[in-house]
Amino acid sequence: MFEKLNPRSTEIIKQSSTIYNLKWKGNIEFLLYGHENSGSGWYYILKNNEQISPTYHYSEINDIFLKNLQRIIDDIESGKYNNKKTPSEKIRLIVEERGLYSLMNNTKWKELITAIKEKIPDIPIKYKTLFEEDTPAYYWTMAGDEHFEYLNMKSIEWFKISCEIKEIKHRGRLIEDKVIIYDKRAEIYEVLKNFNIPYEYDEIENAFVVYGYK
């Protein structure tokens, strides 16, 4: 299907029935993945191996779809994305403007998140990224956070882990629900200690706070 497209000055890195990968000077790429034996898939734009566009999904291959792809190729060719900042560049700019310094790295974040998923997966959490202005008011769990798996850990300003898991047992319409509280403070502390992760304790919320930046 890609034979109808004009790649312009770009280098074709890979072209098959399921992958279409173009690369320009300046390290800008167009990458499309399609499902085998299906007219659906997704595509996006990269710069320095970091995604700088939304992920676009398609469910049908037709002339309109190919025209849209050609328009994106032409936009890249014209230099539209040359000055677009990567996530890393945006993070670095925010850190410099606010005078912050880093306290965590990807290895530490991975160790912490993996340990929580394995040992206390139901523990309530909340976090704030550098790109957010408002502070989250409520806690949630990793299992209930559909965006967490795709989160750039370098963007986390702080990560808060509640020490309590609450279980509500319903006892009928006329009887008040019973709330059971499980104290997980010792287990969380053990995880933080084992991986030498810096933290602070929030007495008001009874939670550990891990700062990505401060």
N, C-alpha and C. Protein backbone atom coordinates (compact mmCIF):
# COMPACT_ATOMS: atom_id res chain seq x y z
N MET A 1 0.82 -1.21 0.00
CA MET A 1 0.00 0.00 0.00
C MET A 1 0.85 1.27 0.00
N PHE A 2 2.11 1.17 0.49
CA PHE A 2 2.94 2.35 0.65
C PHE A 2 3.57 2.81 -0.67
N GLU A 3 3.41 2.01 -1.72
CA GLU A 3 3.99 2.38 -3.01
C GLU A 3 3.38 3.67 -3.55
N LYS A 4 2.17 4.00 -3.10
CA LYS A 4 1.49 5.21 -3.57
C LYS A 4 2.03 6.47 -2.90
N LEU A 5 2.82 6.30 -1.83
CA LEU A 5 3.33 7.44 -1.08
C LEU A 5 4.65 7.93 -1.66
N ASN A 6 4.86 9.23 -1.58
CA ASN A 6 6.12 9.84 -1.99
C ASN A 6 6.93 10.14 -0.74
N PRO A 7 8.00 9.39 -0.47
CA PRO A 7 8.77 9.59 0.76
C PRO A 7 9.64 10.84 0.74
N ARG A 8 9.64 11.54 -0.36
CA ARG A 8 10.43 12.77 -0.52
C ARG A 8 11.92 12.49 -0.31
N SER A 9 12.61 13.30 0.50
CA SER A 9 14.06 13.14 0.64
C SER A 9 14.46 12.15 1.72
N THR A 10 13.49 11.55 2.34
CA THR A 10 13.77 10.69 3.49
C THR A 10 14.40 9.36 3.10
N GLU A 11 15.00 8.73 4.09
CA GLU A 11 15.53 7.38 3.93
C GLU A 11 14.48 6.38 4.40
N ILE A 12 14.19 5.39 3.58
CA ILE A 12 13.24 4.35 3.97
C ILE A 12 14.00 3.31 4.79
N ILE A 13 13.74 3.29 6.09
CA ILE A 13 14.43 2.36 6.99
C ILE A 13 13.88 0.95 6.83
N LYS A 14 12.56 0.86 6.79
CA LYS A 14 11.92 -0.45 6.63
C LYS A 14 10.55 -0.27 6.01
N GLN A 15 10.24 -1.15 5.09
CA GLN A 15 8.93 -1.12 4.45
C GLN A 15 8.45 -2.55 4.23
N SER A 16 7.29 -2.85 4.80
CA SER A 16 6.69 -4.17 4.64
C SER A 16 5.18 -3.99 4.73
N SER A 17 4.47 -5.10 4.80
CA SER A 17 3.01 -5.02 4.89
C SER A 17 2.55 -4.52 6.25
N THR A 18 3.44 -4.57 7.26
CA THR A 18 3.04 -4.17 8.61
C THR A 18 3.88 -3.05 9.21
N ILE A 19 4.98 -2.67 8.57
CA ILE A 19 5.84 -1.62 9.10
C ILE A 19 6.24 -0.65 7.99
N TYR A 20 6.14 0.63 8.30
CA TYR A 20 6.61 1.66 7.37
C TYR A 20 7.39 2.67 8.20
N ASN A 21 8.71 2.69 8.02
CA ASN A 21 9.59 3.51 8.85
C ASN A 21 10.44 4.41 7.96
N LEU A 22 10.26 5.73 8.12
CA LEU A 22 11.02 6.72 7.37
C LEU A 22 11.87 7.54 8.32
N LYS A 23 13.06 7.95 7.86
CA LYS A 23 13.94 8.74 8.72
C LYS A 23 14.55 9.89 7.94
N TRP A 24 14.47 11.10 8.54
CA TRP A 24 15.01 12.31 7.93
C TRP A 24 16.31 12.73 8.62
N LYS A 25 17.04 13.63 7.99
CA LYS A 25 18.16 14.26 8.65
C LYS A 25 17.62 15.07 9.83
N GLY A 26 18.37 15.13 10.90
CA GLY A 26 17.85 15.76 12.11
C GLY A 26 17.23 14.75 13.04
N ASN A 27 17.34 13.45 12.63
CA ASN A 27 16.89 12.34 13.48
C ASN A 27 15.39 12.36 13.74
N ILE A 28 14.62 12.76 12.74
CA ILE A 28 13.16 12.72 12.84
C ILE A 28 12.66 11.51 12.04
N GLU A 29 11.76 10.76 12.65
CA GLU A 29 11.26 9.53 12.02
C GLU A 29 9.74 9.51 11.97
N PHE A 30 9.23 8.84 10.97
CA PHE A 30 7.81 8.49 10.90
C PHE A 30 7.73 6.98 11.02
N LEU A 31 6.91 6.51 11.95
CA LEU A 31 6.85 5.07 12.21
C LEU A 31 5.41 4.60 12.24
N LEU A 32 5.11 3.61 11.39
CA LEU A 32 3.76 3.05 11.32
C LEU A 32 3.83 1.54 11.55
N TYR A 33 2.94 1.06 12.40
CA TYR A 33 2.80 -0.37 12.64
C TYR A 33 1.39 -0.80 12.25
N GLY A 34 1.29 -1.87 11.48
CA GLY A 34 -0.01 -2.40 11.11
C GLY A 34 -0.18 -3.82 11.63
N HIS A 35 -1.41 -4.21 11.86
CA HIS A 35 -1.69 -5.58 12.29
C HIS A 35 -1.67 -6.51 11.08
N GLU A 36 -1.11 -7.67 11.27
CA GLU A 36 -1.04 -8.65 10.20
C GLU A 36 -2.45 -9.06 9.78
N ASN A 37 -2.68 -9.13 8.47
CA ASN A 37 -3.98 -9.54 7.92
C ASN A 37 -5.13 -8.65 8.40
N SER A 38 -4.82 -7.38 8.62
CA SER A 38 -5.85 -6.45 9.08
C SER A 38 -5.55 -5.08 8.52
N GLY A 39 -6.59 -4.29 8.32
CA GLY A 39 -6.41 -2.94 7.81
C GLY A 39 -6.30 -1.91 8.91
N SER A 40 -5.84 -2.32 10.08
CA SER A 40 -5.76 -1.40 11.21
C SER A 40 -4.34 -1.33 11.75
N GLY A 41 -4.07 -0.28 12.52
CA GLY A 41 -2.75 -0.11 13.12
C GLY A 41 -2.62 1.27 13.73
N TRP A 42 -1.39 1.73 13.89
CA TRP A 42 -1.16 3.04 14.50
C TRP A 42 0.15 3.62 13.96
N TYR A 43 0.32 4.93 14.14
CA TYR A 43 1.54 5.59 13.67
C TYR A 43 1.80 6.85 14.49
N TYR A 44 3.06 7.29 14.47
CA TYR A 44 3.45 8.48 15.22
C TYR A 44 4.79 8.99 14.70
N ILE A 45 5.23 10.12 15.24
CA ILE A 45 6.48 10.76 14.81
C ILE A 45 7.46 10.77 15.98
N LEU A 46 8.72 10.49 15.67
CA LEU A 46 9.78 10.45 16.67
C LEU A 46 10.85 11.49 16.36
N LYS A 47 11.50 11.96 17.42
CA LYS A 47 12.68 12.80 17.28
C LYS A 47 13.69 12.35 18.32
N ASN A 48 14.88 12.01 17.88
CA ASN A 48 15.91 11.47 18.78
C ASN A 48 15.38 10.28 19.57
N ASN A 49 14.60 9.44 18.88
CA ASN A 49 14.02 8.21 19.45
C ASN A 49 12.98 8.48 20.54
N GLU A 50 12.46 9.70 20.60
CA GLU A 50 11.39 10.02 21.54
C GLU A 50 10.16 10.47 20.77
N GLN A 51 9.00 10.02 21.21
CA GLN A 51 7.76 10.35 20.50
C GLN A 51 7.41 11.82 20.71
N ILE A 52 7.16 12.52 19.60
CA ILE A 52 6.83 13.95 19.68
C ILE A 52 5.46 14.26 19.10
N SER A 53 4.71 13.23 18.76
CA SER A 53 3.35 13.44 18.27
C SER A 53 2.42 12.50 19.02
N PRO A 54 1.12 12.74 18.95
CA PRO A 54 0.19 11.75 19.51
C PRO A 54 0.31 10.44 18.74
N THR A 55 -0.21 9.37 19.30
CA THR A 55 -0.31 8.10 18.58
C THR A 55 -1.63 8.10 17.83
N TYR A 56 -1.55 8.00 16.52
CA TYR A 56 -2.75 8.01 15.69
C TYR A 56 -3.13 6.57 15.32
N HIS A 57 -4.39 6.25 15.44
CA HIS A 57 -4.87 4.90 15.11
C HIS A 57 -5.69 4.94 13.82
N TYR A 58 -5.60 3.89 13.06
CA TYR A 58 -6.42 3.79 11.85
C TYR A 58 -7.06 2.41 11.80
N SER A 59 -8.21 2.33 11.18
CA SER A 59 -8.96 1.07 11.11
C SER A 59 -9.27 0.65 9.68
N GLU A 60 -8.85 1.49 8.73
CA GLU A 60 -9.13 1.16 7.33
C GLU A 60 -8.08 1.83 6.44
N ILE A 61 -7.64 1.11 5.43
CA ILE A 61 -6.68 1.65 4.48
C ILE A 61 -7.41 2.02 3.20
N ASN A 62 -7.47 3.32 2.93
CA ASN A 62 -8.13 3.80 1.72
C ASN A 62 -7.41 5.05 1.23
N ASP A 63 -7.93 5.69 0.21
CA ASP A 63 -7.27 6.86 -0.37
C ASP A 63 -7.19 8.02 0.62
N ILE A 64 -8.22 8.19 1.44
CA ILE A 64 -8.21 9.27 2.44
C ILE A 64 -7.09 9.04 3.45
N PHE A 65 -6.95 7.79 3.89
CA PHE A 65 -5.90 7.45 4.84
C PHE A 65 -4.52 7.72 4.25
N LEU A 66 -4.31 7.31 3.00
CA LEU A 66 -3.01 7.51 2.35
C LEU A 66 -2.72 9.00 2.13
N LYS A 67 -3.76 9.78 1.86
CA LYS A 67 -3.58 11.23 1.71
C LYS A 67 -3.14 11.85 3.04
N ASN A 68 -3.71 11.36 4.14
CA ASN A 68 -3.32 11.86 5.46
C ASN A 68 -1.86 11.53 5.76
N LEU A 69 -1.44 10.31 5.40
CA LEU A 69 -0.04 9.93 5.60
C LEU A 69 0.88 10.81 4.76
N GLN A 70 0.49 11.06 3.51
CA GLN A 70 1.32 11.90 2.65
C GLN A 70 1.42 13.32 3.20
N ARG A 71 0.33 13.81 3.77
CA ARG A 71 0.35 15.15 4.35
C ARG A 71 1.34 15.22 5.51
N ILE A 72 1.37 14.18 6.35
CA ILE A 72 2.31 14.14 7.47
C ILE A 72 3.75 14.09 6.95
N ILE A 73 3.98 13.26 5.94
CA ILE A 73 5.32 13.17 5.34
C ILE A 73 5.74 14.53 4.79
N ASP A 74 4.82 15.21 4.12
CA ASP A 74 5.13 16.54 3.56
C ASP A 74 5.41 17.55 4.67
N ASP A 75 4.65 17.45 5.78
CA ASP A 75 4.87 18.37 6.91
C ASP A 75 6.27 18.17 7.50
N ILE A 76 6.66 16.91 7.66
CA ILE A 76 8.00 16.63 8.19
C ILE A 76 9.06 17.15 7.22
N GLU A 77 8.83 16.91 5.94
CA GLU A 77 9.78 17.36 4.90
C GLU A 77 9.94 18.88 4.93
N SER A 78 8.86 19.59 5.21
CA SER A 78 8.90 21.06 5.20
C SER A 78 9.55 21.64 6.45
N GLY A 79 9.85 20.78 7.43
CA GLY A 79 10.52 21.25 8.65
C GLY A 79 9.59 21.58 9.79
N LYS A 80 8.33 21.18 9.69
CA LYS A 80 7.34 21.51 10.72
C LYS A 80 7.74 20.98 12.09
N TYR A 81 8.42 19.85 12.14
CA TYR A 81 8.75 19.23 13.42
C TYR A 81 10.20 19.44 13.85
N ASN A 82 10.95 20.22 13.09
CA ASN A 82 12.38 20.40 13.38
C ASN A 82 12.62 21.01 14.76
N ASN A 83 11.79 21.97 15.14
CA ASN A 83 11.99 22.67 16.41
C ASN A 83 11.08 22.17 17.53
N LYS A 84 10.36 21.10 17.25
CA LYS A 84 9.47 20.56 18.28
C LYS A 84 10.30 19.87 19.35
N LYS A 85 10.03 20.20 20.60
CA LYS A 85 10.83 19.67 21.71
C LYS A 85 10.42 18.24 22.04
N THR A 86 11.40 17.44 22.39
CA THR A 86 11.14 16.08 22.85
C THR A 86 10.72 16.13 24.32
N PRO A 87 10.13 15.05 24.86
CA PRO A 87 9.80 15.03 26.29
C PRO A 87 11.01 15.33 27.17
N SER A 88 12.17 14.80 26.83
CA SER A 88 13.37 15.05 27.64
C SER A 88 13.75 16.53 27.63
N GLU A 89 13.61 17.16 26.48
CA GLU A 89 13.93 18.59 26.38
C GLU A 89 12.94 19.42 27.19
N LYS A 90 11.67 19.05 27.16
CA LYS A 90 10.65 19.76 27.94
C LYS A 90 10.92 19.63 29.43
N ILE A 91 11.28 18.42 29.85
CA ILE A 91 11.58 18.18 31.27
C ILE A 91 12.78 19.00 31.71
N ARG A 92 13.83 18.99 30.90
CA ARG A 92 15.04 19.73 31.24
C ARG A 92 14.75 21.23 31.36
N LEU A 93 13.89 21.75 30.48
CA LEU A 93 13.54 23.17 30.52
C LEU A 93 12.79 23.52 31.80
N ILE A 94 11.82 22.68 32.19
CA ILE A 94 11.05 22.92 33.42
C ILE A 94 11.96 22.87 34.64
N VAL A 95 12.83 21.87 34.68
CA VAL A 95 13.75 21.71 35.81
C VAL A 95 14.65 22.94 35.95
N GLU A 96 15.15 23.43 34.83
CA GLU A 96 16.03 24.61 34.86
C GLU A 96 15.27 25.86 35.27
N GLU A 97 14.07 26.03 34.74
CA GLU A 97 13.27 27.23 35.05
C GLU A 97 12.88 27.28 36.52
N ARG A 98 12.59 26.12 37.12
CA ARG A 98 12.16 26.08 38.51
C ARG A 98 13.30 25.86 39.49
N GLY A 99 14.50 25.69 38.98
CA GLY A 99 15.66 25.50 39.84
C GLY A 99 15.61 24.21 40.63
N LEU A 100 15.09 23.14 40.02
CA LEU A 100 14.97 21.86 40.69
C LEU A 100 16.23 21.02 40.50
N TYR A 101 16.38 20.00 41.33
CA TYR A 101 17.47 19.04 41.14
C TYR A 101 16.89 17.64 41.26
N SER A 102 17.50 16.71 40.56
CA SER A 102 16.98 15.35 40.47
C SER A 102 17.39 14.51 41.67
N LEU A 103 16.45 13.70 42.16
CA LEU A 103 16.71 12.81 43.29
C LEU A 103 16.55 11.34 42.91
N MET A 104 15.97 11.08 41.74
CA MET A 104 15.73 9.70 41.31
C MET A 104 16.23 9.52 39.88
N ASN A 105 16.36 8.25 39.47
CA ASN A 105 16.69 7.93 38.09
C ASN A 105 15.81 6.77 37.64
N ASN A 106 15.91 6.41 36.38
CA ASN A 106 15.04 5.36 35.83
C ASN A 106 15.22 4.02 36.55
N THR A 107 16.46 3.71 36.93
CA THR A 107 16.71 2.44 37.62
C THR A 107 15.99 2.39 38.95
N LYS A 108 16.08 3.48 39.72
CA LYS A 108 15.42 3.54 41.02
C LYS A 108 13.90 3.48 40.88
N TRP A 109 13.37 4.19 39.89
CA TRP A 109 11.93 4.16 39.68
C TRP A 109 11.47 2.75 39.32
N LYS A 110 12.22 2.10 38.44
CA LYS A 110 11.86 0.75 38.02
C LYS A 110 11.88 -0.22 39.20
N GLU A 111 12.90 -0.11 40.05
CA GLU A 111 12.99 -0.98 41.22
C GLU A 111 11.81 -0.75 42.16
N LEU A 112 11.47 0.51 42.38
CA LEU A 112 10.36 0.84 43.28
C LEU A 112 9.03 0.33 42.74
N ILE A 113 8.75 0.63 41.48
CA ILE A 113 7.47 0.26 40.89
C ILE A 113 7.32 -1.26 40.81
N THR A 114 8.38 -1.95 40.42
CA THR A 114 8.34 -3.41 40.33
C THR A 114 8.07 -4.03 41.70
N ALA A 115 8.74 -3.51 42.72
CA ALA A 115 8.56 -4.05 44.08
C ALA A 115 7.13 -3.82 44.58
N ILE A 116 6.57 -2.66 44.30
CA ILE A 116 5.20 -2.38 44.73
C ILE A 116 4.22 -3.32 44.03
N LYS A 117 4.41 -3.51 42.73
CA LYS A 117 3.52 -4.39 41.97
C LYS A 117 3.58 -5.83 42.49
N GLU A 118 4.77 -6.26 42.89
CA GLU A 118 4.94 -7.64 43.33
C GLU A 118 4.51 -7.86 44.78
N LYS A 119 4.80 -6.89 45.65
CA LYS A 119 4.58 -7.10 47.08
C LYS A 119 3.28 -6.49 47.61
N ILE A 120 2.92 -5.30 47.14
CA ILE A 120 1.73 -4.62 47.66
C ILE A 120 0.98 -3.94 46.50
N PRO A 121 0.47 -4.74 45.55
CA PRO A 121 -0.15 -4.18 44.34
C PRO A 121 -1.40 -3.35 44.59
N ASP A 122 -2.07 -3.57 45.72
CA ASP A 122 -3.31 -2.85 46.00
C ASP A 122 -3.10 -1.57 46.82
N ILE A 123 -1.84 -1.21 47.05
CA ILE A 123 -1.57 -0.03 47.88
C ILE A 123 -2.01 1.24 47.13
N PRO A 124 -2.68 2.15 47.81
CA PRO A 124 -3.09 3.41 47.15
C PRO A 124 -1.87 4.30 46.87
N ILE A 125 -1.87 4.91 45.70
CA ILE A 125 -0.78 5.81 45.30
C ILE A 125 -1.37 7.07 44.68
N LYS A 126 -0.55 8.08 44.56
CA LYS A 126 -0.85 9.22 43.71
C LYS A 126 0.47 9.90 43.38
N TYR A 127 0.50 10.60 42.27
CA TYR A 127 1.73 11.23 41.85
C TYR A 127 1.42 12.50 41.05
N LYS A 128 2.43 13.33 40.95
CA LYS A 128 2.31 14.56 40.17
C LYS A 128 3.50 14.65 39.23
N THR A 129 3.23 14.94 37.96
CA THR A 129 4.32 15.09 37.00
C THR A 129 4.70 16.57 36.89
N LEU A 130 5.84 16.81 36.29
CA LEU A 130 6.31 18.18 36.09
C LEU A 130 5.39 18.97 35.17
N PHE A 131 4.62 18.28 34.36
CA PHE A 131 3.75 18.95 33.39
C PHE A 131 2.40 19.35 33.98
N GLU A 132 2.12 18.91 35.20
CA GLU A 132 0.82 19.20 35.83
C GLU A 132 0.95 20.35 36.81
N GLU A 133 -0.05 21.21 36.83
CA GLU A 133 -0.07 22.32 37.78
C GLU A 133 -0.83 21.96 39.05
N ASP A 134 -1.90 21.20 38.91
CA ASP A 134 -2.73 20.85 40.06
C ASP A 134 -2.22 19.59 40.75
N THR A 135 -2.36 19.58 42.06
CA THR A 135 -1.97 18.41 42.86
C THR A 135 -3.15 17.46 42.98
N PRO A 136 -2.97 16.18 42.69
CA PRO A 136 -4.07 15.21 42.81
C PRO A 136 -4.62 15.18 44.24
N ALA A 137 -5.93 15.16 44.36
CA ALA A 137 -6.55 15.18 45.68
C ALA A 137 -6.75 13.77 46.24
N TYR A 138 -6.94 12.80 45.37
CA TYR A 138 -7.29 11.46 45.82
C TYR A 138 -6.24 10.43 45.41
N TYR A 139 -6.26 9.30 46.12
CA TYR A 139 -5.36 8.19 45.81
C TYR A 139 -6.06 7.21 44.87
N TRP A 140 -5.26 6.43 44.17
CA TRP A 140 -5.76 5.36 43.33
C TRP A 140 -4.74 4.23 43.34
N THR A 141 -4.96 3.17 42.60
CA THR A 141 -4.00 2.06 42.55
C THR A 141 -3.37 1.99 41.16
N MET A 142 -2.23 1.34 41.08
CA MET A 142 -1.57 1.19 39.78
C MET A 142 -2.44 0.42 38.80
N ALA A 143 -3.16 -0.59 39.32
CA ALA A 143 -4.01 -1.40 38.46
C ALA A 143 -5.13 -0.56 37.84
N GLY A 144 -5.54 0.49 38.55
CA GLY A 144 -6.61 1.34 38.05
C GLY A 144 -6.13 2.52 37.24
N ASP A 145 -4.82 2.60 37.01
CA ASP A 145 -4.24 3.72 36.27
C ASP A 145 -3.82 3.23 34.88
N GLU A 146 -4.67 3.47 33.89
CA GLU A 146 -4.41 2.94 32.55
C GLU A 146 -3.25 3.66 31.85
N HIS A 147 -2.86 4.82 32.36
CA HIS A 147 -1.77 5.57 31.73
C HIS A 147 -0.41 5.28 32.35
N PHE A 148 -0.41 4.60 33.49
CA PHE A 148 0.83 4.46 34.25
C PHE A 148 1.91 3.70 33.48
N GLU A 149 1.50 2.65 32.75
CA GLU A 149 2.47 1.83 32.02
C GLU A 149 3.23 2.63 30.96
N TYR A 150 2.60 3.72 30.49
CA TYR A 150 3.21 4.52 29.42
C TYR A 150 3.84 5.81 29.95
N LEU A 151 3.84 5.96 31.26
CA LEU A 151 4.33 7.19 31.87
C LEU A 151 5.85 7.29 31.77
N ASN A 152 6.33 8.46 31.37
CA ASN A 152 7.77 8.72 31.37
C ASN A 152 8.19 8.99 32.81
N MET A 153 8.92 8.06 33.41
CA MET A 153 9.26 8.18 34.82
C MET A 153 10.10 9.41 35.12
N LYS A 154 10.82 9.90 34.11
CA LYS A 154 11.63 11.11 34.31
C LYS A 154 10.77 12.34 34.57
N SER A 155 9.48 12.24 34.25
CA SER A 155 8.60 13.40 34.40
C SER A 155 7.95 13.47 35.78
N ILE A 156 8.14 12.46 36.63
CA ILE A 156 7.48 12.44 37.94
C ILE A 156 8.16 13.41 38.90
N GLU A 157 7.40 14.37 39.40
CA GLU A 157 7.92 15.32 40.39
C GLU A 157 7.93 14.69 41.77
N TRP A 158 6.81 14.04 42.13
CA TRP A 158 6.77 13.29 43.38
C TRP A 158 5.77 12.14 43.27
N PHE A 159 6.01 11.13 44.09
CA PHE A 159 5.21 9.89 44.07
C PHE A 159 4.87 9.56 45.51
N LYS A 160 3.59 9.51 45.82
CA LYS A 160 3.16 9.33 47.21
C LYS A 160 2.51 7.95 47.37
N ILE A 161 2.93 7.24 48.44
CA ILE A 161 2.44 5.88 48.70
C ILE A 161 1.74 5.87 50.05
N SER A 162 0.45 5.62 50.05
CA SER A 162 -0.31 5.56 51.29
C SER A 162 0.10 4.34 52.10
N CYS A 163 0.05 4.46 53.42
CA CYS A 163 0.42 3.34 54.29
C CYS A 163 -0.76 2.45 54.63
N GLU A 164 -1.94 2.80 54.13
CA GLU A 164 -3.14 2.05 54.50
C GLU A 164 -3.90 1.53 53.28
N ILE A 165 -4.37 0.30 53.41
CA ILE A 165 -5.31 -0.26 52.45
C ILE A 165 -6.63 -0.43 53.19
N LYS A 166 -7.68 0.17 52.65
CA LYS A 166 -8.99 0.09 53.29
C LYS A 166 -9.89 -0.88 52.54
N GLU A 167 -10.51 -1.75 53.30
CA GLU A 167 -11.47 -2.70 52.73
C GLU A 167 -12.84 -2.42 53.34
N ILE A 168 -13.82 -2.20 52.49
CA ILE A 168 -15.17 -1.90 52.96
C ILE A 168 -16.05 -3.13 52.79
N LYS A 169 -16.62 -3.59 53.88
CA LYS A 169 -17.52 -4.75 53.84
C LYS A 169 -18.95 -4.28 54.02
N HIS A 170 -19.77 -4.54 53.01
CA HIS A 170 -21.17 -4.15 53.07
C HIS A 170 -21.96 -5.19 53.87
N ARG A 171 -22.78 -4.69 54.81
CA ARG A 171 -23.51 -5.61 55.69
C ARG A 171 -25.02 -5.42 55.60
N GLY A 172 -25.46 -4.91 54.48
CA GLY A 172 -26.90 -4.75 54.30
C GLY A 172 -27.32 -3.29 54.35
N ARG A 173 -28.56 -3.03 53.96
CA ARG A 173 -29.05 -1.66 53.87
C ARG A 173 -29.21 -1.00 55.23
N LEU A 174 -29.53 -1.78 56.24
CA LEU A 174 -29.83 -1.21 57.56
C LEU A 174 -28.64 -1.22 58.51
N ILE A 175 -27.55 -1.83 58.08
CA ILE A 175 -26.37 -1.91 58.94
C ILE A 175 -25.23 -1.13 58.30
N GLU A 176 -24.56 -0.35 59.11
CA GLU A 176 -23.45 0.47 58.60
C GLU A 176 -22.32 -0.41 58.08
N ASP A 177 -21.73 0.01 56.96
CA ASP A 177 -20.62 -0.75 56.39
C ASP A 177 -19.46 -0.83 57.37
N LYS A 178 -18.75 -1.94 57.32
CA LYS A 178 -17.58 -2.13 58.17
C LYS A 178 -16.32 -1.81 57.37
N VAL A 179 -15.48 -0.95 57.92
CA VAL A 179 -14.23 -0.56 57.26
C VAL A 179 -13.06 -1.23 57.97
N ILE A 180 -12.32 -2.04 57.21
CA ILE A 180 -11.14 -2.71 57.76
C ILE A 180 -9.91 -2.03 57.18
N ILE A 181 -8.99 -1.63 58.05
CA ILE A 181 -7.78 -0.94 57.62
C ILE A 181 -6.56 -1.84 57.83
N TYR A 182 -5.80 -2.03 56.76
CA TYR A 182 -4.58 -2.83 56.83
C TYR A 182 -3.38 -1.88 56.79
N ASP A 183 -2.55 -1.95 57.80
CA ASP A 183 -1.38 -1.08 57.90
C ASP A 183 -0.21 -1.69 57.12
N LYS A 184 0.24 -1.00 56.08
CA LYS A 184 1.32 -1.50 55.22
C LYS A 184 2.61 -0.68 55.35
N ARG A 185 2.68 0.10 56.42
CA ARG A 185 3.83 1.00 56.57
C ARG A 185 5.15 0.23 56.61
N ALA A 186 5.20 -0.86 57.36
CA ALA A 186 6.44 -1.63 57.50
C ALA A 186 6.87 -2.22 56.15
N GLU A 187 5.91 -2.68 55.37
CA GLU A 187 6.24 -3.29 54.08
C GLU A 187 6.77 -2.24 53.09
N ILE A 188 6.15 -1.07 53.11
CA ILE A 188 6.62 0.00 52.22
C ILE A 188 8.02 0.45 52.63
N TYR A 189 8.22 0.61 53.93
CA TYR A 189 9.54 1.02 54.43
C TYR A 189 10.61 0.02 54.01
N GLU A 190 10.28 -1.26 54.06
CA GLU A 190 11.24 -2.30 53.70
C GLU A 190 11.64 -2.18 52.23
N VAL A 191 10.68 -1.88 51.37
CA VAL A 191 10.96 -1.71 49.94
C VAL A 191 11.89 -0.51 49.73
N LEU A 192 11.56 0.60 50.36
CA LEU A 192 12.37 1.82 50.21
C LEU A 192 13.79 1.60 50.74
N LYS A 193 13.88 0.90 51.85
CA LYS A 193 15.19 0.64 52.45
C LYS A 193 16.02 -0.30 51.58
N ASN A 194 15.40 -1.35 51.07
CA ASN A 194 16.13 -2.35 50.28
C ASN A 194 16.77 -1.76 49.03
N PHE A 195 16.11 -0.77 48.43
CA PHE A 195 16.62 -0.20 47.19
C PHE A 195 17.24 1.19 47.39
N ASN A 196 17.46 1.55 48.66
CA ASN A 196 18.11 2.84 48.99
C ASN A 196 17.42 4.01 48.29
N ILE A 197 16.10 4.02 48.37
CA ILE A 197 15.33 5.08 47.73
C ILE A 197 15.05 6.20 48.74
N PRO A 198 15.45 7.42 48.42
CA PRO A 198 15.21 8.54 49.35
C PRO A 198 13.72 8.83 49.48
N TYR A 199 13.28 9.17 50.67
CA TYR A 199 11.86 9.41 50.89
C TYR A 199 11.66 10.37 52.05
N GLU A 200 10.45 10.88 52.15
CA GLU A 200 10.00 11.64 53.32
C GLU A 200 8.68 11.03 53.76
N TYR A 201 8.32 11.28 55.01
CA TYR A 201 7.06 10.75 55.52
C TYR A 201 6.08 11.88 55.76
N ASP A 202 4.90 11.77 55.18
CA ASP A 202 3.84 12.76 55.33
C ASP A 202 2.91 12.30 56.46
N GLU A 203 3.03 12.92 57.63
CA GLU A 203 2.24 12.51 58.78
C GLU A 203 0.76 12.79 58.60
N ILE A 204 0.43 13.87 57.92
CA ILE A 204 -0.97 14.24 57.73
C ILE A 204 -1.71 13.18 56.90
N GLU A 205 -1.07 12.73 55.82
CA GLU A 205 -1.72 11.74 54.95
C GLU A 205 -1.29 10.31 55.26
N ASN A 206 -0.38 10.15 56.24
CA ASN A 206 0.14 8.83 56.58
C ASN A 206 0.64 8.13 55.32
N ALA A 207 1.61 8.78 54.68
CA ALA A 207 2.10 8.28 53.40
C ALA A 207 3.59 8.58 53.25
N PHE A 208 4.27 7.73 52.50
CA PHE A 208 5.66 7.97 52.14
C PHE A 208 5.69 8.77 50.83
N VAL A 209 6.61 9.72 50.75
CA VAL A 209 6.73 10.55 49.55
C VAL A 209 8.12 10.35 48.96
N VAL A 210 8.14 9.95 47.70
CA VAL A 210 9.40 9.82 46.97
C VAL A 210 9.45 10.96 45.96
N TYR A 211 10.46 11.80 46.08
CA TYR A 211 10.59 12.95 45.19
C TYR A 211 11.48 12.61 44.00
N GLY A 212 10.95 12.88 42.81
CA GLY A 212 11.78 12.76 41.62
C GLY A 212 12.65 14.00 41.47
N TYR A 213 12.07 15.14 41.87
CA TYR A 213 12.78 16.42 41.84
C TYR A 213 12.38 17.23 43.06
N LYS A 214 13.27 18.13 43.45
CA LYS A 214 12.94 18.99 44.59
C LYS A 214 13.67 20.32 44.46
